[in-house]
């Protein structure tokens, strides 16, 4: 928890408890269903939870916002963000059922009331959201093509509705088709751990 509290010092007692319970729960579930690389599970606080929370440094979602976590896997970035924004609803979707089971079980175990899960393809989700978030699921142009139908035209937040992804490496070529409506933010602007040196947030207006 020390790394989370370093950057988010104003968490409520409930939020601290939820993060504290989340960390061992992921380790426990990962023994049964591999949702995180086993060699990486000891780094879950920085490499997975804090990485997910980088989005909260870029945008503070307005209360009542609806967010889709596209290709959520075991619940990243959706579940950590849902803890941070208890008045925002997060809908987690993934095609791999066992990973959605882990996300659902952990959300229930830590008492999340603002998380829903869906096992299936994004094409089966016809709801509208303020933002779609995702973590390194596919190239940004492909994600925009698949998810733009789920972006609402109603604006609730300080920036236009769109797609926010967590990525790494050189994104110059990938973002080229979307360069006029995308922004790339270095996560090491927010967090100083070496893990984040090559990590980025990509925001695309759709």
N, C-alpha and C. Protein backbone atom coordinates (compact mmCIF):
# COMPACT_ATOMS: atom_id res chain seq x y z
N UNK A 1 0.81 -1.22 0.00
CA UNK A 1 0.00 0.00 0.00
C UNK A 1 0.84 1.28 0.00
N UNK A 2 2.13 1.18 0.35
CA UNK A 2 2.93 2.39 0.50
C UNK A 2 3.02 3.19 -0.79
N UNK A 3 3.07 2.49 -1.92
CA UNK A 3 3.21 3.19 -3.20
C UNK A 3 1.89 3.87 -3.59
N UNK A 4 0.78 3.21 -3.32
CA UNK A 4 -0.52 3.81 -3.61
C UNK A 4 -0.72 5.06 -2.74
N UNK A 5 -0.42 4.93 -1.45
CA UNK A 5 -0.60 6.07 -0.55
C UNK A 5 0.36 7.21 -0.84
N UNK A 6 1.50 6.89 -1.41
CA UNK A 6 2.47 7.92 -1.78
C UNK A 6 1.86 8.92 -2.76
N UNK A 7 1.07 8.42 -3.69
CA UNK A 7 0.50 9.28 -4.74
C UNK A 7 -0.98 9.62 -4.51
N UNK A 8 -1.62 8.86 -3.64
CA UNK A 8 -3.04 9.10 -3.32
C UNK A 8 -3.19 9.13 -1.80
N UNK A 9 -2.68 10.18 -1.16
CA UNK A 9 -2.64 10.22 0.31
C UNK A 9 -3.98 10.48 0.97
N UNK A 10 -4.98 10.86 0.20
CA UNK A 10 -6.26 11.26 0.80
C UNK A 10 -7.34 10.19 0.68
N UNK A 11 -6.94 8.94 0.59
CA UNK A 11 -7.90 7.85 0.51
C UNK A 11 -8.69 7.73 1.81
N UNK A 12 -9.95 7.33 1.68
CA UNK A 12 -10.76 7.07 2.87
C UNK A 12 -10.33 5.75 3.50
N UNK A 13 -10.78 5.51 4.72
CA UNK A 13 -10.48 4.24 5.39
C UNK A 13 -11.01 3.07 4.57
N UNK A 14 -12.20 3.25 3.98
CA UNK A 14 -12.78 2.18 3.17
C UNK A 14 -11.91 1.90 1.95
N UNK A 15 -11.45 2.93 1.27
CA UNK A 15 -10.61 2.73 0.09
C UNK A 15 -9.28 2.05 0.46
N UNK A 16 -8.69 2.45 1.56
CA UNK A 16 -7.45 1.81 2.01
C UNK A 16 -7.70 0.34 2.28
N UNK A 17 -8.80 0.05 2.95
CA UNK A 17 -9.14 -1.35 3.24
C UNK A 17 -9.35 -2.14 1.95
N UNK A 18 -10.02 -1.55 0.98
CA UNK A 18 -10.27 -2.26 -0.28
C UNK A 18 -8.98 -2.55 -1.03
N UNK A 19 -8.07 -1.59 -1.08
CA UNK A 19 -6.78 -1.85 -1.73
C UNK A 19 -5.97 -2.89 -0.95
N UNK A 20 -5.99 -2.79 0.38
CA UNK A 20 -5.26 -3.75 1.19
C UNK A 20 -5.76 -5.18 1.01
N UNK A 21 -7.05 -5.33 0.81
CA UNK A 21 -7.63 -6.66 0.60
C UNK A 21 -7.43 -7.13 -0.83
N UNK A 22 -7.42 -6.19 -1.76
CA UNK A 22 -7.28 -6.54 -3.17
C UNK A 22 -5.95 -7.23 -3.47
N UNK A 23 -4.87 -6.75 -2.87
CA UNK A 23 -3.53 -7.24 -3.20
C UNK A 23 -3.39 -8.74 -2.91
N UNK A 24 -3.70 -9.22 -1.69
CA UNK A 24 -3.58 -10.67 -1.47
C UNK A 24 -4.63 -11.49 -2.21
N UNK A 25 -5.79 -10.89 -2.48
CA UNK A 25 -6.82 -11.62 -3.23
C UNK A 25 -6.34 -11.95 -4.64
N UNK A 26 -5.68 -10.99 -5.28
CA UNK A 26 -5.14 -11.27 -6.62
C UNK A 26 -4.08 -12.37 -6.57
N UNK A 27 -3.24 -12.33 -5.54
CA UNK A 27 -2.22 -13.38 -5.41
C UNK A 27 -2.88 -14.75 -5.22
N UNK A 28 -3.93 -14.78 -4.41
CA UNK A 28 -4.65 -16.04 -4.14
C UNK A 28 -5.32 -16.57 -5.41
N UNK A 29 -6.02 -15.70 -6.10
CA UNK A 29 -6.73 -16.13 -7.31
C UNK A 29 -5.76 -16.50 -8.43
N UNK A 30 -4.62 -15.83 -8.46
CA UNK A 30 -3.67 -16.09 -9.53
C UNK A 30 -3.06 -17.49 -9.44
N UNK A 31 -3.11 -18.08 -8.25
CA UNK A 31 -2.67 -19.46 -8.10
C UNK A 31 -3.62 -20.42 -8.78
N UNK A 32 -4.90 -20.02 -8.88
CA UNK A 32 -5.93 -20.87 -9.48
C UNK A 32 -6.12 -20.56 -10.96
N UNK A 33 -6.17 -19.29 -11.27
CA UNK A 33 -6.42 -18.82 -12.64
C UNK A 33 -5.40 -17.75 -12.96
N UNK A 34 -4.56 -18.00 -13.93
CA UNK A 34 -3.44 -17.11 -14.21
C UNK A 34 -3.90 -15.87 -14.96
N UNK A 35 -4.13 -14.78 -14.22
CA UNK A 35 -4.53 -13.51 -14.85
C UNK A 35 -3.37 -12.52 -14.90
N UNK A 36 -2.34 -12.78 -14.11
CA UNK A 36 -1.13 -11.96 -14.07
C UNK A 36 0.05 -12.92 -14.20
N UNK A 37 1.08 -12.53 -14.93
CA UNK A 37 2.27 -13.37 -15.01
C UNK A 37 2.74 -13.74 -13.61
N UNK A 38 2.95 -15.03 -13.37
CA UNK A 38 3.30 -15.48 -12.02
C UNK A 38 4.60 -14.85 -11.52
N UNK A 39 5.50 -14.56 -12.43
CA UNK A 39 6.76 -13.92 -12.00
C UNK A 39 6.54 -12.45 -11.65
N UNK A 40 5.37 -11.91 -11.98
CA UNK A 40 5.09 -10.50 -11.77
C UNK A 40 4.14 -10.26 -10.60
N UNK A 41 3.59 -11.32 -10.02
CA UNK A 41 2.55 -11.16 -9.01
C UNK A 41 3.07 -10.41 -7.78
N UNK A 42 4.37 -10.54 -7.48
CA UNK A 42 4.93 -9.83 -6.33
C UNK A 42 5.01 -8.32 -6.58
N UNK A 43 4.88 -7.92 -7.82
CA UNK A 43 4.92 -6.50 -8.18
C UNK A 43 3.53 -5.92 -8.45
N UNK A 44 2.51 -6.58 -7.95
CA UNK A 44 1.14 -6.21 -8.33
C UNK A 44 0.80 -4.76 -7.94
N UNK A 45 1.31 -4.30 -6.80
CA UNK A 45 0.93 -2.95 -6.37
C UNK A 45 1.39 -1.89 -7.37
N UNK A 46 2.65 -1.97 -7.81
CA UNK A 46 3.17 -0.97 -8.75
C UNK A 46 2.76 -1.28 -10.18
N UNK A 47 3.02 -2.50 -10.63
CA UNK A 47 2.89 -2.82 -12.06
C UNK A 47 1.46 -2.98 -12.54
N UNK A 48 0.53 -3.16 -11.62
CA UNK A 48 -0.85 -3.40 -12.03
C UNK A 48 -1.83 -2.41 -11.40
N UNK A 49 -1.80 -2.30 -10.07
CA UNK A 49 -2.76 -1.40 -9.41
C UNK A 49 -2.39 0.06 -9.64
N UNK A 50 -1.14 0.42 -9.29
CA UNK A 50 -0.73 1.82 -9.48
C UNK A 50 -0.73 2.20 -10.96
N UNK A 51 -0.32 1.27 -11.80
CA UNK A 51 -0.37 1.52 -13.25
C UNK A 51 -1.79 1.87 -13.68
N UNK A 52 -2.77 1.12 -13.19
CA UNK A 52 -4.17 1.41 -13.51
C UNK A 52 -4.58 2.80 -13.02
N UNK A 53 -4.09 3.17 -11.84
CA UNK A 53 -4.48 4.45 -11.24
C UNK A 53 -3.85 5.65 -11.93
N UNK A 54 -2.91 5.42 -12.84
CA UNK A 54 -2.34 6.54 -13.59
C UNK A 54 -3.43 7.32 -14.32
N UNK A 55 -4.46 6.61 -14.76
CA UNK A 55 -5.57 7.27 -15.46
C UNK A 55 -6.21 8.33 -14.57
N UNK A 56 -6.24 8.07 -13.26
CA UNK A 56 -6.84 9.03 -12.32
C UNK A 56 -6.00 10.28 -12.15
N UNK A 57 -4.73 10.23 -12.54
CA UNK A 57 -3.90 11.43 -12.54
C UNK A 57 -4.16 12.28 -13.79
N UNK A 58 -4.63 11.62 -14.84
CA UNK A 58 -4.92 12.33 -16.08
C UNK A 58 -6.32 12.95 -16.06
N UNK A 59 -7.29 12.24 -15.48
CA UNK A 59 -8.66 12.74 -15.43
C UNK A 59 -9.33 12.34 -14.13
N UNK A 60 -10.05 13.27 -13.54
CA UNK A 60 -10.91 12.95 -12.40
C UNK A 60 -12.33 12.79 -12.94
N UNK A 61 -12.77 11.54 -13.03
CA UNK A 61 -14.10 11.29 -13.58
C UNK A 61 -15.16 11.95 -12.72
N UNK A 62 -16.12 12.61 -13.37
CA UNK A 62 -17.23 13.24 -12.65
C UNK A 62 -18.15 12.17 -12.07
N UNK A 63 -18.71 12.46 -10.90
CA UNK A 63 -19.69 11.55 -10.31
C UNK A 63 -20.81 11.27 -11.31
N UNK A 64 -21.24 10.02 -11.36
CA UNK A 64 -22.30 9.64 -12.29
C UNK A 64 -21.80 9.22 -13.65
N UNK A 65 -20.50 9.32 -13.89
CA UNK A 65 -19.95 8.89 -15.18
C UNK A 65 -20.07 7.37 -15.33
N UNK A 66 -20.13 6.93 -16.58
CA UNK A 66 -20.16 5.51 -16.92
C UNK A 66 -18.91 5.19 -17.73
N UNK A 67 -18.16 4.19 -17.27
CA UNK A 67 -16.89 3.84 -17.89
C UNK A 67 -16.90 2.36 -18.28
N UNK A 68 -16.49 2.07 -19.52
CA UNK A 68 -16.29 0.68 -19.92
C UNK A 68 -14.81 0.34 -19.85
N UNK A 69 -14.50 -0.79 -19.22
CA UNK A 69 -13.13 -1.32 -19.24
C UNK A 69 -13.09 -2.42 -20.29
N UNK A 70 -12.51 -2.10 -21.43
CA UNK A 70 -12.51 -2.97 -22.62
C UNK A 70 -11.36 -3.97 -22.52
N UNK A 71 -11.67 -5.27 -22.55
CA UNK A 71 -10.63 -6.29 -22.42
C UNK A 71 -10.01 -6.26 -21.04
N UNK A 72 -10.86 -6.24 -20.02
CA UNK A 72 -10.43 -6.00 -18.65
C UNK A 72 -9.56 -7.10 -18.06
N UNK A 73 -9.62 -8.30 -18.62
CA UNK A 73 -8.85 -9.39 -18.04
C UNK A 73 -9.29 -9.66 -16.61
N UNK A 74 -8.35 -9.61 -15.68
CA UNK A 74 -8.68 -9.82 -14.27
C UNK A 74 -9.19 -8.59 -13.56
N UNK A 75 -9.41 -7.50 -14.30
CA UNK A 75 -10.00 -6.32 -13.67
C UNK A 75 -9.15 -5.07 -13.69
N UNK A 76 -8.18 -5.00 -14.62
CA UNK A 76 -7.32 -3.83 -14.74
C UNK A 76 -7.55 -3.12 -16.06
N UNK A 77 -7.74 -1.82 -16.05
CA UNK A 77 -7.62 -0.90 -14.91
C UNK A 77 -8.90 -0.68 -14.12
N UNK A 78 -9.98 -1.37 -14.48
CA UNK A 78 -11.30 -1.04 -13.95
C UNK A 78 -11.46 -1.10 -12.45
N UNK A 79 -11.03 -2.20 -11.82
CA UNK A 79 -11.28 -2.35 -10.38
C UNK A 79 -10.52 -1.33 -9.55
N UNK A 80 -9.21 -1.12 -9.76
CA UNK A 80 -8.55 -0.06 -8.98
C UNK A 80 -9.19 1.32 -9.18
N UNK A 81 -9.58 1.63 -10.42
CA UNK A 81 -10.23 2.92 -10.66
C UNK A 81 -11.58 3.00 -9.97
N UNK A 82 -12.29 1.89 -9.92
CA UNK A 82 -13.60 1.87 -9.25
C UNK A 82 -13.46 2.13 -7.75
N UNK A 83 -12.38 1.67 -7.15
CA UNK A 83 -12.13 1.97 -5.74
C UNK A 83 -11.90 3.46 -5.57
N UNK A 84 -11.15 4.04 -6.46
CA UNK A 84 -10.81 5.47 -6.36
C UNK A 84 -12.00 6.37 -6.65
N UNK A 85 -12.91 5.91 -7.52
CA UNK A 85 -14.09 6.70 -7.91
C UNK A 85 -15.36 5.94 -7.55
N UNK A 86 -15.75 5.95 -6.27
CA UNK A 86 -16.90 5.14 -5.85
C UNK A 86 -18.24 5.61 -6.40
N UNK A 87 -18.29 6.84 -6.91
CA UNK A 87 -19.55 7.36 -7.46
C UNK A 87 -19.57 7.32 -8.99
N UNK A 88 -18.67 6.54 -9.56
CA UNK A 88 -18.60 6.31 -11.01
C UNK A 88 -18.81 4.82 -11.24
N UNK A 89 -19.60 4.47 -12.27
CA UNK A 89 -19.85 3.05 -12.54
C UNK A 89 -18.88 2.53 -13.60
N UNK A 90 -18.31 1.37 -13.33
CA UNK A 90 -17.35 0.73 -14.24
C UNK A 90 -17.91 -0.61 -14.71
N UNK A 91 -18.01 -0.76 -16.03
CA UNK A 91 -18.49 -2.01 -16.64
C UNK A 91 -17.31 -2.72 -17.28
N UNK A 92 -16.94 -3.88 -16.75
CA UNK A 92 -15.77 -4.62 -17.20
C UNK A 92 -16.20 -5.70 -18.18
N UNK A 93 -15.54 -5.75 -19.34
CA UNK A 93 -15.91 -6.74 -20.35
C UNK A 93 -14.65 -7.43 -20.88
N UNK A 94 -14.76 -8.76 -21.04
CA UNK A 94 -13.64 -9.53 -21.58
C UNK A 94 -14.20 -10.82 -22.19
N UNK A 95 -13.52 -11.30 -23.23
CA UNK A 95 -13.97 -12.51 -23.91
C UNK A 95 -13.56 -13.78 -23.18
N UNK A 96 -12.64 -13.67 -22.22
CA UNK A 96 -12.16 -14.86 -21.51
C UNK A 96 -12.92 -14.99 -20.19
N UNK A 97 -13.77 -15.98 -20.12
CA UNK A 97 -14.68 -16.12 -18.99
C UNK A 97 -13.99 -16.29 -17.65
N UNK A 98 -12.90 -17.07 -17.62
CA UNK A 98 -12.24 -17.32 -16.33
C UNK A 98 -11.62 -16.04 -15.77
N UNK A 99 -11.17 -15.14 -16.66
CA UNK A 99 -10.62 -13.88 -16.18
C UNK A 99 -11.73 -12.98 -15.63
N UNK A 100 -12.88 -12.99 -16.30
CA UNK A 100 -14.01 -12.22 -15.80
C UNK A 100 -14.50 -12.76 -14.47
N UNK A 101 -14.36 -14.07 -14.28
CA UNK A 101 -14.74 -14.65 -12.99
C UNK A 101 -13.87 -14.09 -11.87
N UNK A 102 -12.56 -14.01 -12.12
CA UNK A 102 -11.64 -13.45 -11.12
C UNK A 102 -12.01 -12.01 -10.81
N UNK A 103 -12.23 -11.21 -11.85
CA UNK A 103 -12.60 -9.80 -11.65
C UNK A 103 -13.87 -9.68 -10.83
N UNK A 104 -14.86 -10.50 -11.16
CA UNK A 104 -16.15 -10.45 -10.47
C UNK A 104 -16.00 -10.87 -9.01
N UNK A 105 -15.26 -11.93 -8.78
CA UNK A 105 -15.07 -12.44 -7.42
C UNK A 105 -14.34 -11.42 -6.55
N UNK A 106 -13.31 -10.79 -7.10
CA UNK A 106 -12.56 -9.81 -6.32
C UNK A 106 -13.40 -8.57 -6.06
N UNK A 107 -14.13 -8.12 -7.07
CA UNK A 107 -15.01 -6.95 -6.86
C UNK A 107 -16.02 -7.22 -5.76
N UNK A 108 -16.60 -8.40 -5.77
CA UNK A 108 -17.58 -8.75 -4.72
C UNK A 108 -16.91 -8.88 -3.36
N UNK A 109 -15.72 -9.49 -3.33
CA UNK A 109 -15.04 -9.75 -2.06
C UNK A 109 -14.67 -8.46 -1.34
N UNK A 110 -14.34 -7.41 -2.09
CA UNK A 110 -13.94 -6.16 -1.44
C UNK A 110 -15.11 -5.16 -1.37
N UNK A 111 -16.30 -5.64 -1.70
CA UNK A 111 -17.51 -4.84 -1.49
C UNK A 111 -17.77 -3.75 -2.50
N UNK A 112 -17.34 -3.97 -3.76
CA UNK A 112 -17.58 -2.96 -4.78
C UNK A 112 -19.05 -2.95 -5.20
N UNK A 113 -19.66 -1.79 -5.14
CA UNK A 113 -21.06 -1.62 -5.56
C UNK A 113 -21.17 -0.93 -6.92
N UNK A 114 -20.05 -0.49 -7.45
CA UNK A 114 -20.07 0.30 -8.68
C UNK A 114 -19.36 -0.42 -9.83
N UNK A 115 -19.31 -1.75 -9.76
CA UNK A 115 -18.66 -2.56 -10.79
C UNK A 115 -19.63 -3.60 -11.31
N UNK A 116 -19.72 -3.72 -12.63
CA UNK A 116 -20.45 -4.83 -13.26
C UNK A 116 -19.50 -5.50 -14.25
N UNK A 117 -19.75 -6.77 -14.53
CA UNK A 117 -18.89 -7.52 -15.43
C UNK A 117 -19.71 -8.17 -16.53
N UNK A 118 -19.07 -8.36 -17.67
CA UNK A 118 -19.73 -9.01 -18.81
C UNK A 118 -18.72 -9.91 -19.51
N UNK A 119 -19.06 -11.18 -19.59
CA UNK A 119 -18.23 -12.12 -20.35
C UNK A 119 -18.73 -12.12 -21.78
N UNK A 120 -17.89 -11.70 -22.69
CA UNK A 120 -18.31 -11.68 -24.08
C UNK A 120 -17.51 -10.70 -24.91
N UNK A 121 -17.93 -10.56 -26.14
CA UNK A 121 -17.28 -9.66 -27.09
C UNK A 121 -17.87 -8.26 -26.94
N UNK A 122 -17.06 -7.26 -27.20
CA UNK A 122 -17.55 -5.88 -27.07
C UNK A 122 -18.72 -5.60 -27.99
N UNK A 123 -18.79 -6.33 -29.11
CA UNK A 123 -19.91 -6.15 -30.02
C UNK A 123 -21.25 -6.50 -29.41
N UNK A 124 -21.20 -7.27 -28.32
CA UNK A 124 -22.44 -7.66 -27.64
C UNK A 124 -22.88 -6.63 -26.61
N UNK A 125 -22.07 -5.61 -26.41
CA UNK A 125 -22.41 -4.55 -25.46
C UNK A 125 -22.92 -3.34 -26.24
N UNK A 126 -24.15 -2.96 -25.99
CA UNK A 126 -24.76 -1.85 -26.73
C UNK A 126 -25.02 -0.63 -25.85
N UNK A 127 -24.48 -0.65 -24.66
CA UNK A 127 -24.64 0.49 -23.76
C UNK A 127 -23.73 1.64 -24.18
N UNK A 128 -24.05 2.82 -23.69
CA UNK A 128 -23.23 4.00 -23.96
C UNK A 128 -22.46 4.40 -22.71
N UNK A 129 -21.23 4.86 -22.92
CA UNK A 129 -20.34 5.22 -21.83
C UNK A 129 -19.70 6.58 -22.11
N UNK A 130 -19.25 7.22 -21.05
CA UNK A 130 -18.53 8.48 -21.21
C UNK A 130 -17.11 8.23 -21.73
N UNK A 131 -16.49 7.19 -21.20
CA UNK A 131 -15.15 6.82 -21.64
C UNK A 131 -15.01 5.31 -21.71
N UNK A 132 -14.16 4.87 -22.61
CA UNK A 132 -13.69 3.49 -22.64
C UNK A 132 -12.24 3.52 -22.20
N UNK A 133 -11.90 2.69 -21.21
CA UNK A 133 -10.51 2.57 -20.77
C UNK A 133 -10.02 1.17 -21.10
N UNK A 134 -8.72 1.03 -21.26
CA UNK A 134 -8.17 -0.26 -21.63
C UNK A 134 -6.67 -0.26 -21.35
N UNK A 135 -6.14 -1.47 -21.16
CA UNK A 135 -4.71 -1.59 -20.88
C UNK A 135 -4.06 -2.54 -21.88
N UNK A 136 -3.41 -1.95 -22.91
CA UNK A 136 -2.59 -2.69 -23.87
C UNK A 136 -3.32 -3.89 -24.47
N UNK A 137 -4.58 -3.69 -24.87
CA UNK A 137 -5.36 -4.79 -25.43
C UNK A 137 -5.11 -4.95 -26.92
N UNK A 138 -5.05 -3.82 -27.64
CA UNK A 138 -4.87 -3.85 -29.10
C UNK A 138 -4.42 -2.47 -29.56
N UNK A 139 -3.98 -2.35 -30.81
CA UNK A 139 -3.60 -1.02 -31.31
C UNK A 139 -4.76 -0.02 -31.19
N UNK A 140 -4.41 1.23 -30.91
CA UNK A 140 -5.42 2.26 -30.68
C UNK A 140 -6.41 2.42 -31.84
N UNK A 141 -5.98 2.42 -33.10
CA UNK A 141 -6.96 2.56 -34.18
C UNK A 141 -7.99 1.43 -34.20
N UNK A 142 -7.56 0.20 -33.87
CA UNK A 142 -8.49 -0.93 -33.83
C UNK A 142 -9.47 -0.77 -32.68
N UNK A 143 -8.97 -0.32 -31.55
CA UNK A 143 -9.85 -0.12 -30.40
C UNK A 143 -10.87 0.97 -30.67
N UNK A 144 -10.43 2.05 -31.30
CA UNK A 144 -11.35 3.13 -31.66
C UNK A 144 -12.45 2.62 -32.58
N UNK A 145 -12.05 1.82 -33.55
CA UNK A 145 -13.04 1.28 -34.51
C UNK A 145 -14.09 0.42 -33.81
N UNK A 146 -13.67 -0.39 -32.84
CA UNK A 146 -14.59 -1.29 -32.16
C UNK A 146 -15.43 -0.60 -31.09
N UNK A 147 -14.84 0.37 -30.41
CA UNK A 147 -15.49 0.93 -29.23
C UNK A 147 -16.21 2.25 -29.47
N UNK A 148 -16.04 2.87 -30.62
CA UNK A 148 -16.63 4.20 -30.81
C UNK A 148 -18.16 4.18 -30.73
N UNK A 149 -18.76 3.04 -31.06
CA UNK A 149 -20.22 2.93 -30.98
C UNK A 149 -20.73 3.03 -29.54
N UNK A 150 -19.83 2.80 -28.58
CA UNK A 150 -20.23 2.81 -27.17
C UNK A 150 -19.97 4.14 -26.48
N UNK A 151 -19.48 5.13 -27.22
CA UNK A 151 -19.18 6.43 -26.62
C UNK A 151 -20.39 7.35 -26.72
N UNK A 152 -20.85 7.83 -25.59
CA UNK A 152 -22.01 8.72 -25.52
C UNK A 152 -21.68 10.10 -26.07
N UNK A 153 -22.70 10.77 -26.59
CA UNK A 153 -22.56 12.16 -27.05
C UNK A 153 -22.80 13.16 -25.92
N UNK A 154 -23.28 12.69 -24.78
CA UNK A 154 -23.57 13.57 -23.65
C UNK A 154 -22.28 13.78 -22.84
N UNK A 155 -21.91 15.03 -22.64
CA UNK A 155 -20.66 15.36 -21.97
C UNK A 155 -20.88 15.62 -20.48
N UNK A 156 -20.14 14.91 -19.62
CA UNK A 156 -20.24 15.08 -18.17
C UNK A 156 -18.92 15.50 -17.54
N UNK A 157 -17.83 15.37 -18.30
CA UNK A 157 -16.51 15.54 -17.73
C UNK A 157 -15.78 16.76 -18.30
N UNK A 158 -14.62 17.06 -17.75
CA UNK A 158 -13.87 18.26 -18.13
C UNK A 158 -13.24 18.15 -19.51
N UNK A 159 -13.07 16.93 -20.00
CA UNK A 159 -12.54 16.73 -21.36
C UNK A 159 -13.56 15.95 -22.17
N UNK A 160 -13.53 16.04 -23.50
CA UNK A 160 -14.51 15.33 -24.33
C UNK A 160 -14.44 13.81 -24.12
N UNK A 161 -15.60 13.18 -24.26
CA UNK A 161 -15.67 11.73 -24.15
C UNK A 161 -14.74 11.07 -25.16
N UNK A 162 -14.22 9.90 -24.79
CA UNK A 162 -13.31 9.23 -25.70
C UNK A 162 -12.75 7.95 -25.12
N UNK A 163 -11.58 7.59 -25.59
CA UNK A 163 -10.91 6.35 -25.23
C UNK A 163 -9.59 6.67 -24.57
N UNK A 164 -9.34 6.04 -23.41
CA UNK A 164 -8.12 6.27 -22.64
C UNK A 164 -7.44 4.92 -22.44
N UNK A 165 -6.22 4.79 -22.93
CA UNK A 165 -5.54 3.51 -22.83
C UNK A 165 -4.19 3.64 -22.15
N UNK A 166 -3.74 2.54 -21.56
CA UNK A 166 -2.42 2.44 -20.96
C UNK A 166 -1.54 1.61 -21.89
N UNK A 167 -0.42 2.19 -22.31
CA UNK A 167 0.44 1.53 -23.28
C UNK A 167 1.91 1.76 -22.93
N UNK A 168 2.80 1.11 -23.67
CA UNK A 168 4.22 1.29 -23.46
C UNK A 168 4.98 1.35 -24.78
N UNK A 169 6.21 1.84 -24.70
CA UNK A 169 7.06 1.85 -25.88
C UNK A 169 6.81 3.03 -26.81
N UNK A 170 7.36 2.92 -28.00
CA UNK A 170 7.24 3.98 -29.01
C UNK A 170 5.90 3.82 -29.74
N UNK A 171 5.04 4.81 -29.61
CA UNK A 171 3.69 4.74 -30.18
C UNK A 171 3.53 5.59 -31.43
N UNK A 172 4.61 6.14 -31.93
CA UNK A 172 4.54 7.08 -33.05
C UNK A 172 3.77 6.51 -34.23
N UNK A 173 4.13 5.32 -34.67
CA UNK A 173 3.50 4.71 -35.83
C UNK A 173 2.06 4.32 -35.54
N UNK A 174 1.83 3.75 -34.36
CA UNK A 174 0.48 3.29 -34.00
C UNK A 174 -0.53 4.44 -33.97
N UNK A 175 -0.11 5.58 -33.43
CA UNK A 175 -1.03 6.69 -33.24
C UNK A 175 -1.15 7.58 -34.48
N UNK A 176 -0.31 7.37 -35.46
CA UNK A 176 -0.29 8.23 -36.65
C UNK A 176 -1.68 8.46 -37.25
N UNK A 177 -2.51 7.41 -37.45
CA UNK A 177 -3.83 7.66 -38.05
C UNK A 177 -4.76 8.49 -37.18
N UNK A 178 -4.43 8.61 -35.89
CA UNK A 178 -5.31 9.31 -34.95
C UNK A 178 -4.64 10.55 -34.36
N UNK A 179 -3.52 10.97 -34.96
CA UNK A 179 -2.69 11.99 -34.32
C UNK A 179 -3.41 13.32 -34.12
N UNK A 180 -4.37 13.64 -34.98
CA UNK A 180 -5.05 14.93 -34.87
C UNK A 180 -6.07 14.97 -33.74
N UNK A 181 -6.39 13.80 -33.19
CA UNK A 181 -7.36 13.77 -32.09
C UNK A 181 -6.89 12.94 -30.91
N UNK A 182 -5.58 12.76 -30.82
CA UNK A 182 -5.02 11.97 -29.72
C UNK A 182 -3.96 12.77 -28.96
N UNK A 183 -3.78 12.39 -27.71
CA UNK A 183 -2.75 12.98 -26.86
C UNK A 183 -2.01 11.84 -26.17
N UNK A 184 -0.69 11.92 -26.10
CA UNK A 184 0.12 10.92 -25.42
C UNK A 184 0.76 11.57 -24.20
N UNK A 185 0.57 10.94 -23.04
CA UNK A 185 1.08 11.48 -21.79
C UNK A 185 2.03 10.47 -21.17
N UNK A 186 3.22 10.90 -20.80
CA UNK A 186 4.17 10.02 -20.13
C UNK A 186 3.77 9.84 -18.67
N UNK A 187 3.63 8.57 -18.25
CA UNK A 187 3.20 8.31 -16.88
C UNK A 187 4.28 8.71 -15.87
N UNK A 188 5.54 8.77 -16.30
CA UNK A 188 6.56 9.21 -15.35
C UNK A 188 6.45 10.71 -15.03
N UNK A 189 5.50 11.40 -15.65
CA UNK A 189 5.14 12.74 -15.20
C UNK A 189 4.44 12.69 -13.84
N UNK A 190 3.82 11.54 -13.56
CA UNK A 190 3.03 11.37 -12.34
C UNK A 190 3.74 10.51 -11.30
N UNK A 191 4.35 9.42 -11.74
CA UNK A 191 4.95 8.43 -10.84
C UNK A 191 6.44 8.30 -11.13
N UNK A 192 7.27 8.19 -10.09
CA UNK A 192 8.71 8.19 -10.33
C UNK A 192 9.37 6.81 -10.24
N UNK A 193 8.59 5.73 -10.07
CA UNK A 193 9.18 4.40 -10.08
C UNK A 193 9.69 4.06 -11.48
N UNK A 194 10.84 3.37 -11.59
CA UNK A 194 11.42 3.06 -12.90
C UNK A 194 10.49 2.31 -13.84
N UNK A 195 9.56 1.53 -13.30
CA UNK A 195 8.62 0.78 -14.14
C UNK A 195 7.89 1.69 -15.12
N UNK A 196 7.67 2.93 -14.72
CA UNK A 196 6.84 3.83 -15.52
C UNK A 196 7.62 4.63 -16.55
N UNK A 197 8.92 4.42 -16.63
CA UNK A 197 9.73 5.23 -17.54
C UNK A 197 9.29 5.13 -19.00
N UNK A 198 8.80 3.97 -19.41
CA UNK A 198 8.38 3.80 -20.81
C UNK A 198 6.86 3.69 -20.95
N UNK A 199 6.13 3.93 -19.85
CA UNK A 199 4.67 3.75 -19.88
C UNK A 199 3.97 5.06 -20.22
N UNK A 200 2.87 4.92 -20.96
CA UNK A 200 2.15 6.10 -21.43
C UNK A 200 0.65 5.93 -21.32
N UNK A 201 -0.02 7.06 -21.23
CA UNK A 201 -1.47 7.12 -21.39
C UNK A 201 -1.75 7.69 -22.77
N UNK A 202 -2.67 7.08 -23.49
CA UNK A 202 -3.09 7.60 -24.79
C UNK A 202 -4.57 7.96 -24.70
N UNK A 203 -4.89 9.20 -24.99
CA UNK A 203 -6.28 9.69 -24.97
C UNK A 203 -6.68 10.07 -26.38
N UNK A 204 -7.76 9.46 -26.84
CA UNK A 204 -8.27 9.74 -28.19
C UNK A 204 -9.72 10.18 -28.12
N UNK A 205 -10.03 11.30 -28.74
CA UNK A 205 -11.41 11.76 -28.85
C UNK A 205 -12.05 11.02 -30.03
N UNK A 206 -13.25 10.51 -29.82
CA UNK A 206 -13.94 9.80 -30.91
C UNK A 206 -15.25 10.48 -31.26
